[in-house]
Amino acid sequence: KMVIAEARRTYTYLSLFGYRVDAVVVNRILPAEVDDPYFGKWKD
């Protein structure tokens, strides 16, 4: 629950300063099948 509250607070602050949010990344846990080089460092 605390993580959700932090995400809401961050969204609110970003909105107050004029930053528009289109998406929220919940986590960076990737399945082993993902082999795109873009995600290479995330998997290390």
PDB file of N, CA and C in Angstrom:
ATOM      1  N   LYS A   1       0.826  -1.198   0.000  1.00  0.00           N
ATOM      2  CA  LYS A   1       0.000   0.000   0.000  1.00  0.00           C
ATOM      3  C   LYS A   1       0.866   1.257   0.000  1.00  0.00           C
ATOM      4  N   MET A   2       1.986   1.201   0.695  1.00  0.00           N
ATOM      5  CA  MET A   2       2.840   2.378   0.774  1.00  0.00           C
ATOM      6  C   MET A   2       3.406   2.752  -0.596  1.00  0.00           C
ATOM      7  N   VAL A   3       3.748   1.752  -1.384  1.00  0.00           N
ATOM      8  CA  VAL A   3       4.299   2.015  -2.713  1.00  0.00           C
ATOM      9  C   VAL A   3       3.272   2.715  -3.592  1.00  0.00           C
ATOM     10  N   ILE A   4       2.030   2.305  -3.485  1.00  0.00           N
ATOM     11  CA  ILE A   4       0.966   2.944  -4.270  1.00  0.00           C
ATOM     12  C   ILE A   4       0.807   4.397  -3.847  1.00  0.00           C
ATOM     13  N   ALA A   5       0.859   4.658  -2.551  1.00  0.00           N
ATOM     14  CA  ALA A   5       0.751   6.035  -2.058  1.00  0.00           C
ATOM     15  C   ALA A   5       1.919   6.884  -2.567  1.00  0.00           C
ATOM     16  N   GLU A   6       3.109   6.316  -2.596  1.00  0.00           N
ATOM     17  CA  GLU A   6       4.273   7.045  -3.107  1.00  0.00           C
ATOM     18  C   GLU A   6       4.112   7.356  -4.591  1.00  0.00           C
ATOM     19  N   ALA A   7       3.586   6.404  -5.342  1.00  0.00           N
ATOM     20  CA  ALA A   7       3.365   6.627  -6.773  1.00  0.00           C
ATOM     21  C   ALA A   7       2.333   7.729  -6.992  1.00  0.00           C
ATOM     22  N   ARG A   8       1.284   7.719  -6.200  1.00  0.00           N
ATOM     23  CA  ARG A   8       0.264   8.778  -6.307  1.00  0.00           C
ATOM     24  C   ARG A   8       0.859  10.139  -5.973  1.00  0.00           C
ATOM     25  N   ARG A   9       1.673  10.194  -4.932  1.00  0.00           N
ATOM     26  CA  ARG A   9       2.284  11.459  -4.526  1.00  0.00           C
ATOM     27  C   ARG A   9       3.216  11.965  -5.627  1.00  0.00           C
ATOM     28  N   THR A  10       3.994  11.068  -6.195  1.00  0.00           N
ATOM     29  CA  THR A  10       4.898  11.458  -7.275  1.00  0.00           C
ATOM     30  C   THR A  10       4.119  11.963  -8.476  1.00  0.00           C
ATOM     31  N   TYR A  11       3.042  11.266  -8.819  1.00  0.00           N
ATOM     32  CA  TYR A  11       2.192  11.705  -9.931  1.00  0.00           C
ATOM     33  C   TYR A  11       1.643  13.109  -9.661  1.00  0.00           C
ATOM     34  N   THR A  12       1.211  13.342  -8.433  1.00  0.00           N
ATOM     35  CA  THR A  12       0.669  14.654  -8.066  1.00  0.00           C
ATOM     36  C   THR A  12       1.723  15.741  -8.211  1.00  0.00           C
ATOM     37  N   TYR A  13       2.925  15.492  -7.702  1.00  0.00           N
ATOM     38  CA  TYR A  13       3.998  16.482  -7.807  1.00  0.00           C
ATOM     39  C   TYR A  13       4.365  16.752  -9.259  1.00  0.00           C
ATOM     40  N   LEU A  14       4.456  15.709 -10.056  1.00  0.00           N
ATOM     41  CA  LEU A  14       4.766  15.907 -11.468  1.00  0.00           C
ATOM     42  C   LEU A  14       3.692  16.747 -12.147  1.00  0.00           C
ATOM     43  N   SER A  15       2.445  16.479 -11.835  1.00  0.00           N
ATOM     44  CA  SER A  15       1.337  17.243 -12.419  1.00  0.00           C
ATOM     45  C   SER A  15       1.385  18.704 -11.990  1.00  0.00           C
ATOM     46  N   LEU A  16       1.715  18.942 -10.727  1.00  0.00           N
ATOM     47  CA  LEU A  16       1.790  20.318 -10.223  1.00  0.00           C
ATOM     48  C   LEU A  16       2.844  21.139 -10.958  1.00  0.00           C
ATOM     49  N   PHE A  17       3.913  20.493 -11.378  1.00  0.00           N
ATOM     50  CA  PHE A  17       4.987  21.196 -12.065  1.00  0.00           C
ATOM     51  C   PHE A  17       4.867  21.116 -13.583  1.00  0.00           C
ATOM     52  N   GLY A  18       3.720  20.668 -14.070  1.00  0.00           N
ATOM     53  CA  GLY A  18       3.445  20.691 -15.497  1.00  0.00           C
ATOM     54  C   GLY A  18       3.940  19.499 -16.294  1.00  0.00           C
ATOM     55  N   TYR A  19       4.395  18.453 -15.617  1.00  0.00           N
ATOM     56  CA  TYR A  19       4.829  17.252 -16.322  1.00  0.00           C
ATOM     57  C   TYR A  19       3.625  16.342 -16.532  1.00  0.00           C
ATOM     58  N   ARG A  20       3.432  15.939 -17.766  1.00  0.00           N
ATOM     59  CA  ARG A  20       2.319  15.037 -18.071  1.00  0.00           C
ATOM     60  C   ARG A  20       2.799  13.599 -17.997  1.00  0.00           C
ATOM     61  N   VAL A  21       1.997  12.759 -17.393  1.00  0.00           N
ATOM     62  CA  VAL A  21       2.352  11.353 -17.227  1.00  0.00           C
ATOM     63  C   VAL A  21       1.421  10.506 -18.081  1.00  0.00           C
ATOM     64  N   ASP A  22       2.000   9.740 -19.006  1.00  0.00           N
ATOM     65  CA  ASP A  22       1.214   8.864 -19.871  1.00  0.00           C
ATOM     66  C   ASP A  22       1.201   7.429 -19.380  1.00  0.00           C
ATOM     67  N   ALA A  23       2.247   7.049 -18.644  1.00  0.00           N
ATOM     68  CA  ALA A  23       2.356   5.663 -18.198  1.00  0.00           C
ATOM     69  C   ALA A  23       3.166   5.591 -16.912  1.00  0.00           C
ATOM     70  N   VAL A  24       2.964   4.507 -16.203  1.00  0.00           N
ATOM     71  CA  VAL A  24       3.716   4.249 -14.983  1.00  0.00           C
ATOM     72  C   VAL A  24       4.303   2.848 -15.095  1.00  0.00           C
ATOM     73  N   VAL A  25       5.593   2.736 -14.851  1.00  0.00           N
ATOM     74  CA  VAL A  25       6.246   1.427 -14.855  1.00  0.00           C
ATOM     75  C   VAL A  25       6.148   0.873 -13.447  1.00  0.00           C
ATOM     76  N   VAL A  26       5.493  -0.263 -13.318  1.00  0.00           N
ATOM     77  CA  VAL A  26       5.240  -0.837 -12.000  1.00  0.00           C
ATOM     78  C   VAL A  26       6.477  -1.513 -11.443  1.00  0.00           C
ATOM     79  N   ASN A  27       7.157  -2.279 -12.256  1.00  0.00           N
ATOM     80  CA  ASN A  27       8.393  -2.918 -11.817  1.00  0.00           C
ATOM     81  C   ASN A  27       9.244  -3.231 -13.033  1.00  0.00           C
ATOM     82  N   ARG A  28      10.439  -3.686 -12.765  1.00  0.00           N
ATOM     83  CA  ARG A  28      11.328  -4.014 -13.869  1.00  0.00           C
ATOM     84  C   ARG A  28      11.687  -5.489 -13.843  1.00  0.00           C
ATOM     85  N   ILE A  29      10.798  -6.321 -13.387  1.00  0.00           N
ATOM     86  CA  ILE A  29      11.018  -7.758 -13.417  1.00  0.00           C
ATOM     87  C   ILE A  29      10.658  -8.247 -14.812  1.00  0.00           C
ATOM     88  N   LEU A  30      11.622  -8.821 -15.480  1.00  0.00           N
ATOM     89  CA  LEU A  30      11.416  -9.257 -16.853  1.00  0.00           C
ATOM     90  C   LEU A  30      11.494 -10.773 -16.952  1.00  0.00           C
ATOM     91  N   PRO A  31      10.652 -11.366 -17.781  1.00  0.00           N
ATOM     92  CA  PRO A  31      10.736 -12.810 -17.999  1.00  0.00           C
ATOM     93  C   PRO A  31      12.044 -13.174 -18.705  1.00  0.00           C
ATOM     94  N   ALA A  32      12.488 -14.387 -18.520  1.00  0.00           N
ATOM     95  CA  ALA A  32      13.735 -14.855 -19.133  1.00  0.00           C
ATOM     96  C   ALA A  32      13.667 -14.814 -20.659  1.00  0.00           C
ATOM     97  N   GLU A  33      12.474 -14.896 -21.237  1.00  0.00           N
ATOM     98  CA  GLU A  33      12.311 -14.916 -22.692  1.00  0.00           C
ATOM     99  C   GLU A  33      12.639 -13.579 -23.348  1.00  0.00           C
ATOM    100  N   VAL A  34      12.650 -12.503 -22.592  1.00  0.00           N
ATOM    101  CA  VAL A  34      12.927 -11.183 -23.160  1.00  0.00           C
ATOM    102  C   VAL A  34      14.413 -11.110 -23.486  1.00  0.00           C
ATOM    103  N   ASP A  35      14.726 -10.976 -24.777  1.00  0.00           N
ATOM    104  CA  ASP A  35      16.134 -10.941 -25.177  1.00  0.00           C
ATOM    105  C   ASP A  35      16.488  -9.692 -25.983  1.00  0.00           C
ATOM    106  N   ASP A  36      15.637  -8.701 -25.947  1.00  0.00           N
ATOM    107  CA  ASP A  36      15.900  -7.443 -26.630  1.00  0.00           C
ATOM    108  C   ASP A  36      17.115  -6.763 -25.985  1.00  0.00           C
ATOM    109  N   PRO A  37      18.089  -6.317 -26.778  1.00  0.00           N
ATOM    110  CA  PRO A  37      19.288  -5.681 -26.216  1.00  0.00           C
ATOM    111  C   PRO A  37      18.975  -4.456 -25.350  1.00  0.00           C
ATOM    112  N   TYR A  38      17.871  -3.782 -25.635  1.00  0.00           N
ATOM    113  CA  TYR A  38      17.492  -2.604 -24.847  1.00  0.00           C
ATOM    114  C   TYR A  38      17.365  -2.943 -23.370  1.00  0.00           C
ATOM    115  N   PHE A  39      16.887  -4.144 -23.064  1.00  0.00           N
ATOM    116  CA  PHE A  39      16.664  -4.545 -21.680  1.00  0.00           C
ATOM    117  C   PHE A  39      17.849  -5.298 -21.077  1.00  0.00           C
ATOM    118  N   GLY A  40      18.947  -5.408 -21.799  1.00  0.00           N
ATOM    119  CA  GLY A  40      20.101  -6.177 -21.348  1.00  0.00           C
ATOM    120  C   GLY A  40      20.615  -5.779 -19.977  1.00  0.00           C
ATOM    121  N   LYS A  41      20.784  -4.486 -19.733  1.00  0.00           N
ATOM    122  CA  LYS A  41      21.301  -4.022 -18.437  1.00  0.00           C
ATOM    123  C   LYS A  41      20.287  -4.221 -17.322  1.00  0.00           C
ATOM    124  N   TRP A  42      19.021  -4.202 -17.642  1.00  0.00           N
ATOM    125  CA  TRP A  42      17.993  -4.390 -16.616  1.00  0.00           C
ATOM    126  C   TRP A  42      18.049  -5.797 -16.048  1.00  0.00           C
ATOM    127  N   LYS A  43      18.420  -6.749 -16.884  1.00  0.00           N
ATOM    128  CA  LYS A  43      18.407  -8.149 -16.465  1.00  0.00           C
ATOM    129  C   LYS A  43      19.651  -8.532 -15.670  1.00  0.00           C
ATOM    130  N   ASP A  44      20.692  -7.702 -15.720  1.00  0.00           N
ATOM    131  CA  ASP A  44      21.931  -8.018 -14.990  1.00  0.00           C
ATOM    132  C   ASP A  44      21.759  -7.891 -13.493  1.00  0.00           C
TER     133      ASP A  44
END
